[in-house]
C-alpha cells in the first residue's frame, strides 16, 4: 500500500535517533507501518483490531528480545 503523505500523518518513536526507524500512521480502521528510510515506498496495512492486540502483547511482555 502506498499512501499519500499529504493525507496520512506518520509518526515514529521519540527514541529513534537514526534514520532507520519504523513509522506508523492511522488510516480509518487500519494502522499503517513503513520504513522511515523509504517514506515514498510501500507500507504494511494492519486491521486496527490486530494492531491493538499486538500492542497489548508487547506491553504484557509476550515477546522476548532473544
PDB file of N, CA and C in Angstrom:
ATOM      1  N   UNK A   1       0.856  -1.172   0.000  1.00  0.00           N
ATOM      2  CA  UNK A   1       0.000   0.000   0.000  1.00  0.00           C
ATOM      3  C   UNK A   1       0.894   1.225   0.000  1.00  0.00           C
ATOM      4  N   UNK A   2       0.608   2.154  -0.837  1.00  0.00           N
ATOM      5  CA  UNK A   2       1.360   3.394  -0.901  1.00  0.00           C
ATOM      6  C   UNK A   2       0.393   4.545  -0.659  1.00  0.00           C
ATOM      7  N   UNK A   3       0.476   5.156   0.498  1.00  0.00           N
ATOM      8  CA  UNK A   3      -0.458   6.211   0.900  1.00  0.00           C
ATOM      9  C   UNK A   3       0.141   7.585   0.622  1.00  0.00           C
ATOM     10  N   UNK A   4      -0.688   8.514   0.264  1.00  0.00           N
ATOM     11  CA  UNK A   4      -0.261   9.893   0.051  1.00  0.00           C
ATOM     12  C   UNK A   4       0.176  10.501   1.375  1.00  0.00           C
ATOM     13  N   UNK A   5       1.375  11.073   1.403  1.00  0.00           N
ATOM     14  CA  UNK A   5       1.868  11.664   2.646  1.00  0.00           C
ATOM     15  C   UNK A   5       1.050  12.886   3.052  1.00  0.00           C
ATOM     16  N   UNK A   6       0.345  13.494   2.110  1.00  0.00           N
ATOM     17  CA  UNK A   6      -0.491  14.647   2.437  1.00  0.00           C
ATOM     18  C   UNK A   6      -1.718  14.227   3.239  1.00  0.00           C
ATOM     19  N   UNK A   7      -2.217  13.030   2.999  1.00  0.00           N
ATOM     20  CA  UNK A   7      -3.436  12.566   3.653  1.00  0.00           C
ATOM     21  C   UNK A   7      -3.156  11.799   4.942  1.00  0.00           C
ATOM     22  N   UNK A   8      -1.941  11.328   5.121  1.00  0.00           N
ATOM     23  CA  UNK A   8      -1.592  10.476   6.259  1.00  0.00           C
ATOM     24  C   UNK A   8      -0.565  11.191   7.132  1.00  0.00           C
ATOM     25  N   UNK A   9      -0.756  11.139   8.442  1.00  0.00           N
ATOM     26  CA  UNK A   9       0.192  11.729   9.384  1.00  0.00           C
ATOM     27  C   UNK A   9       1.034  10.609   9.997  1.00  0.00           C
ATOM     28  N   UNK A  10       2.265  10.479   9.540  1.00  0.00           N
ATOM     29  CA  UNK A  10       3.168   9.428  10.012  1.00  0.00           C
ATOM     30  C   UNK A  10       3.870   9.875  11.288  1.00  0.00           C
ATOM     31  N   UNK A  11       4.160   8.924  12.174  1.00  0.00           N
ATOM     32  CA  UNK A  11       4.908   9.230  13.405  1.00  0.00           C
ATOM     33  C   UNK A  11       5.877   8.097  13.697  1.00  0.00           C
ATOM     34  N   UNK A  12       6.939   8.441  14.436  1.00  0.00           N
ATOM     35  CA  UNK A  12       7.904   7.430  14.859  1.00  0.00           C
ATOM     36  C   UNK A  12       8.288   7.694  16.300  1.00  0.00           C
ATOM     37  N   UNK A  13       8.908   6.722  16.894  1.00  0.00           N
ATOM     38  CA  UNK A  13       9.284   6.812  18.300  1.00  0.00           C
ATOM     39  C   UNK A  13      10.218   7.994  18.539  1.00  0.00           C
ATOM     40  N   UNK A  14      10.050   8.642  19.675  1.00  0.00           N
ATOM     41  CA  UNK A  14      10.969   9.717  20.051  1.00  0.00           C
ATOM     42  C   UNK A  14      12.342   9.145  20.397  1.00  0.00           C
ATOM     43  N   UNK A  15      12.421   7.838  20.602  1.00  0.00           N
ATOM     44  CA  UNK A  15      13.705   7.186  20.883  1.00  0.00           C
ATOM     45  C   UNK A  15      14.508   6.916  19.618  1.00  0.00           C
ATOM     46  N   UNK A  16      13.923   7.147  18.492  1.00  0.00           N
ATOM     47  CA  UNK A  16      14.602   6.904  17.220  1.00  0.00           C
ATOM     48  C   UNK A  16      15.616   8.018  16.987  1.00  0.00           C
ATOM     49  N   UNK A  17      16.888   7.665  17.017  1.00  0.00           N
ATOM     50  CA  UNK A  17      17.928   8.675  16.832  1.00  0.00           C
ATOM     51  C   UNK A  17      18.647   8.516  15.496  1.00  0.00           C
ATOM     52  N   UNK A  18      18.225   7.544  14.709  1.00  0.00           N
ATOM     53  CA  UNK A  18      18.838   7.338  13.398  1.00  0.00           C
ATOM     54  C   UNK A  18      17.762   7.472  12.325  1.00  0.00           C
ATOM     55  N   UNK A  19      18.158   7.304  11.099  1.00  0.00           N
ATOM     56  CA  UNK A  19      17.194   7.360  10.008  1.00  0.00           C
ATOM     57  C   UNK A  19      16.556   6.013   9.721  1.00  0.00           C
ATOM     58  N   UNK A  20      16.908   5.007  10.508  1.00  0.00           N
ATOM     59  CA  UNK A  20      16.403   3.645  10.280  1.00  0.00           C
ATOM     60  C   UNK A  20      15.351   3.307  11.328  1.00  0.00           C
ATOM     61  N   UNK A  21      14.156   3.835  11.142  1.00  0.00           N
ATOM     62  CA  UNK A  21      13.104   3.660  12.138  1.00  0.00           C
ATOM     63  C   UNK A  21      11.823   3.161  11.483  1.00  0.00           C
ATOM     64  N   UNK A  22      10.962   2.635  12.301  1.00  0.00           N
ATOM     65  CA  UNK A  22       9.632   2.249  11.850  1.00  0.00           C
ATOM     66  C   UNK A  22       8.706   3.434  12.099  1.00  0.00           C
ATOM     67  N   UNK A  23       7.886   3.748  11.116  1.00  0.00           N
ATOM     68  CA  UNK A  23       6.883   4.796  11.264  1.00  0.00           C
ATOM     69  C   UNK A  23       5.502   4.164  11.181  1.00  0.00           C
ATOM     70  N   UNK A  24       4.561   4.717  11.926  1.00  0.00           N
ATOM     71  CA  UNK A  24       3.182   4.231  11.884  1.00  0.00           C
ATOM     72  C   UNK A  24       2.239   5.407  11.639  1.00  0.00           C
ATOM     73  N   UNK A  25       1.061   5.074  11.116  1.00  0.00           N
ATOM     74  CA  UNK A  25       0.039   6.088  10.845  1.00  0.00           C
ATOM     75  C   UNK A  25      -1.333   5.450  10.954  1.00  0.00           C
ATOM     76  N   UNK A  26      -2.299   6.259  11.359  1.00  0.00           N
ATOM     77  CA  UNK A  26      -3.690   5.805  11.428  1.00  0.00           C
ATOM     78  C   UNK A  26      -4.387   6.153  10.122  1.00  0.00           C
ATOM     79  N   UNK A  27      -5.145   5.189   9.610  1.00  0.00           N
ATOM     80  CA  UNK A  27      -5.926   5.410   8.392  1.00  0.00           C
ATOM     81  C   UNK A  27      -7.257   4.684   8.554  1.00  0.00           C
ATOM     82  N   UNK A  28      -8.245   5.389   9.083  1.00  0.00           N
ATOM     83  CA  UNK A  28      -9.580   4.839   9.344  1.00  0.00           C
ATOM     84  C   UNK A  28      -9.488   3.602  10.237  1.00  0.00           C
ATOM     85  N   UNK A  29      -9.881   2.425   9.745  1.00  0.00           N
ATOM     86  CA  UNK A  29      -9.861   1.200  10.554  1.00  0.00           C
ATOM     87  C   UNK A  29      -8.567   0.421  10.393  1.00  0.00           C
ATOM     88  N   UNK A  30      -7.537   1.094   9.907  1.00  0.00           N
ATOM     89  CA  UNK A  30      -6.272   0.445   9.583  1.00  0.00           C
ATOM     90  C   UNK A  30      -5.119   1.203  10.225  1.00  0.00           C
ATOM     91  N   UNK A  31      -4.076   0.462  10.601  1.00  0.00           N
ATOM     92  CA  UNK A  31      -2.828   1.072  11.048  1.00  0.00           C
ATOM     93  C   UNK A  31      -1.783   0.727   9.995  1.00  0.00           C
ATOM     94  N   UNK A  32      -1.080   1.744   9.532  1.00  0.00           N
ATOM     95  CA  UNK A  32      -0.056   1.565   8.508  1.00  0.00           C
ATOM     96  C   UNK A  32       1.322   1.593   9.140  1.00  0.00           C
ATOM     97  N   UNK A  33       2.259   0.844   8.559  1.00  0.00           N
ATOM     98  CA  UNK A  33       3.635   0.822   9.038  1.00  0.00           C
ATOM     99  C   UNK A  33       4.555   0.892   7.820  1.00  0.00           C
ATOM    100  N   UNK A  34       5.638   1.677   7.950  1.00  0.00           N
ATOM    101  CA  UNK A  34       6.608   1.782   6.859  1.00  0.00           C
ATOM    102  C   UNK A  34       8.004   2.000   7.420  1.00  0.00           C
ATOM    103  N   UNK A  35       8.986   1.904   6.549  1.00  0.00           N
ATOM    104  CA  UNK A  35      10.391   2.129   6.880  1.00  0.00           C
ATOM    105  C   UNK A  35      10.690   3.613   6.677  1.00  0.00           C
ATOM    106  N   UNK A  36      11.220   4.269   7.690  1.00  0.00           N
ATOM    107  CA  UNK A  36      11.491   5.705   7.574  1.00  0.00           C
ATOM    108  C   UNK A  36      12.576   6.011   6.543  1.00  0.00           C
ATOM    109  N   UNK A  37      13.393   5.023   6.194  1.00  0.00           N
ATOM    110  CA  UNK A  37      14.424   5.238   5.176  1.00  0.00           C
ATOM    111  C   UNK A  37      13.818   5.327   3.780  1.00  0.00           C
ATOM    112  N   UNK A  38      12.576   4.873   3.643  1.00  0.00           N
ATOM    113  CA  UNK A  38      11.925   4.849   2.334  1.00  0.00           C
ATOM    114  C   UNK A  38      10.498   5.384   2.445  1.00  0.00           C
ATOM    115  N   UNK A  39      10.337   6.667   2.787  1.00  0.00           N
ATOM    116  CA  UNK A  39       8.998   7.203   3.023  1.00  0.00           C
ATOM    117  C   UNK A  39       8.082   7.168   1.802  1.00  0.00           C
ATOM    118  N   UNK A  40       8.636   7.115   0.620  1.00  0.00           N
ATOM    119  CA  UNK A  40       7.815   7.047  -0.583  1.00  0.00           C
ATOM    120  C   UNK A  40       7.527   5.626  -1.024  1.00  0.00           C
ATOM    121  N   UNK A  41       8.065   4.661  -0.273  1.00  0.00           N
ATOM    122  CA  UNK A  41       7.898   3.261  -0.643  1.00  0.00           C
ATOM    123  C   UNK A  41       6.594   2.672  -0.142  1.00  0.00           C
ATOM    124  N   UNK A  42       6.538   1.380  -0.199  1.00  0.00           N
ATOM    125  CA  UNK A  42       5.348   0.649   0.221  1.00  0.00           C
ATOM    126  C   UNK A  42       5.193   0.669   1.737  1.00  0.00           C
ATOM    127  N   UNK A  43       3.973   0.462   2.192  1.00  0.00           N
ATOM    128  CA  UNK A  43       3.705   0.343   3.628  1.00  0.00           C
ATOM    129  C   UNK A  43       2.889  -0.916   3.869  1.00  0.00           C
ATOM    130  N   UNK A  44       2.947  -1.402   5.090  1.00  0.00           N
ATOM    131  CA  UNK A  44       2.137  -2.546   5.501  1.00  0.00           C
ATOM    132  C   UNK A  44       0.865  -2.021   6.140  1.00  0.00           C
ATOM    133  N   UNK A  45      -0.239  -2.705   5.925  1.00  0.00           N
ATOM    134  CA  UNK A  45      -1.525  -2.299   6.498  1.00  0.00           C
ATOM    135  C   UNK A  45      -2.046  -3.405   7.404  1.00  0.00           C
ATOM    136  N   UNK A  46      -2.431  -3.033   8.624  1.00  0.00           N
ATOM    137  CA  UNK A  46      -2.964  -3.976   9.600  1.00  0.00           C
ATOM    138  C   UNK A  46      -4.342  -3.512  10.056  1.00  0.00           C
ATOM    139  N   UNK A  47      -5.303  -4.431  10.150  1.00  0.00           N
ATOM    140  CA  UNK A  47      -6.590  -4.045  10.742  1.00  0.00           C
ATOM    141  C   UNK A  47      -6.344  -3.523  12.161  1.00  0.00           C
ATOM    142  N   UNK A  48      -7.076  -2.502  12.555  1.00  0.00           N
ATOM    143  CA  UNK A  48      -6.864  -1.900  13.875  1.00  0.00           C
ATOM    144  C   UNK A  48      -6.960  -2.932  15.001  1.00  0.00           C
ATOM    145  N   UNK A  49      -7.872  -3.892  14.894  1.00  0.00           N
ATOM    146  CA  UNK A  49      -8.021  -4.903  15.951  1.00  0.00           C
ATOM    147  C   UNK A  49      -6.760  -5.751  16.087  1.00  0.00           C
ATOM    148  N   UNK A  50      -6.122  -6.080  14.981  1.00  0.00           N
ATOM    149  CA  UNK A  50      -4.880  -6.864  15.008  1.00  0.00           C
ATOM    150  C   UNK A  50      -3.758  -6.034  15.625  1.00  0.00           C
ATOM    151  N   UNK A  51      -3.651  -4.763  15.233  1.00  0.00           N
ATOM    152  CA  UNK A  51      -2.615  -3.877  15.769  1.00  0.00           C
ATOM    153  C   UNK A  51      -2.793  -3.693  17.280  1.00  0.00           C
ATOM    154  N   UNK A  52      -4.027  -3.507  17.708  1.00  0.00           N
ATOM    155  CA  UNK A  52      -4.304  -3.328  19.136  1.00  0.00           C
ATOM    156  C   UNK A  52      -3.889  -4.566  19.923  1.00  0.00           C
ATOM    157  N   UNK A  53      -4.205  -5.741  19.423  1.00  0.00           N
ATOM    158  CA  UNK A  53      -3.799  -6.990  20.088  1.00  0.00           C
ATOM    159  C   UNK A  53      -2.281  -7.103  20.147  1.00  0.00           C
ATOM    160  N   UNK A  54      -1.607  -6.721  19.080  1.00  0.00           N
ATOM    161  CA  UNK A  54      -0.149  -6.738  19.031  1.00  0.00           C
ATOM    162  C   UNK A  54       0.436  -5.815  20.100  1.00  0.00           C
ATOM    163  N   UNK A  55      -0.102  -4.609  20.221  1.00  0.00           N
ATOM    164  CA  UNK A  55       0.384  -3.660  21.225  1.00  0.00           C
ATOM    165  C   UNK A  55       0.164  -4.186  22.641  1.00  0.00           C
ATOM    166  N   UNK A  56      -0.979  -4.801  22.898  1.00  0.00           N
ATOM    167  CA  UNK A  56      -1.259  -5.388  24.217  1.00  0.00           C
ATOM    168  C   UNK A  56      -0.234  -6.475  24.518  1.00  0.00           C
ATOM    169  N   UNK A  57       0.036  -7.343  23.548  1.00  0.00           N
ATOM    170  CA  UNK A  57       1.013  -8.416  23.740  1.00  0.00           C
ATOM    171  C   UNK A  57       2.398  -7.862  24.057  1.00  0.00           C
ATOM    172  N   UNK A  58       2.801  -6.796  23.385  1.00  0.00           N
ATOM    173  CA  UNK A  58       4.096  -6.172  23.671  1.00  0.00           C
ATOM    174  C   UNK A  58       4.121  -5.641  25.099  1.00  0.00           C
ATOM    175  N   UNK A  59       3.105  -4.895  25.479  1.00  0.00           N
ATOM    176  CA  UNK A  59       3.056  -4.292  26.814  1.00  0.00           C
ATOM    177  C   UNK A  59       3.021  -5.336  27.919  1.00  0.00           C
ATOM    178  N   UNK A  60       2.449  -6.498  27.634  1.00  0.00           N
ATOM    179  CA  UNK A  60       2.367  -7.566  28.633  1.00  0.00           C
ATOM    180  C   UNK A  60       3.576  -8.498  28.591  1.00  0.00           C
ATOM    181  N   UNK A  61       4.580  -8.173  27.773  1.00  0.00           N
ATOM    182  CA  UNK A  61       5.825  -8.929  27.746  1.00  0.00           C
ATOM    183  C   UNK A  61       5.741 -10.293  27.082  1.00  0.00           C
ATOM    184  N   UNK A  62       4.851 -10.456  26.140  1.00  0.00           N
ATOM    185  CA  UNK A  62       4.694 -11.759  25.486  1.00  0.00           C
ATOM    186  C   UNK A  62       5.751 -12.028  24.416  1.00  0.00           C
ATOM    187  N   UNK A  63       6.618 -11.074  24.153  1.00  0.00           N
ATOM    188  CA  UNK A  63       7.705 -11.256  23.188  1.00  0.00           C
ATOM    189  C   UNK A  63       9.024 -11.069  23.923  1.00  0.00           C
ATOM    190  N   UNK A  64      10.037 -11.827  23.523  1.00  0.00           N
ATOM    191  CA  UNK A  64      11.350 -11.641  24.140  1.00  0.00           C
ATOM    192  C   UNK A  64      12.314 -11.094  23.098  1.00  0.00           C
ATOM    193  N   UNK A  65      13.354 -10.447  23.555  1.00  0.00           N
ATOM    194  CA  UNK A  65      14.345  -9.852  22.664  1.00  0.00           C
ATOM    195  C   UNK A  65      15.397 -10.868  22.230  1.00  0.00           C
ATOM    196  N   UNK A  66      15.368 -12.061  22.771  1.00  0.00           N
ATOM    197  CA  UNK A  66      16.398 -13.063  22.442  1.00  0.00           C
ATOM    198  C   UNK A  66      16.019 -13.798  21.195  1.00  0.00           C
TER     199      UNK A  66
END
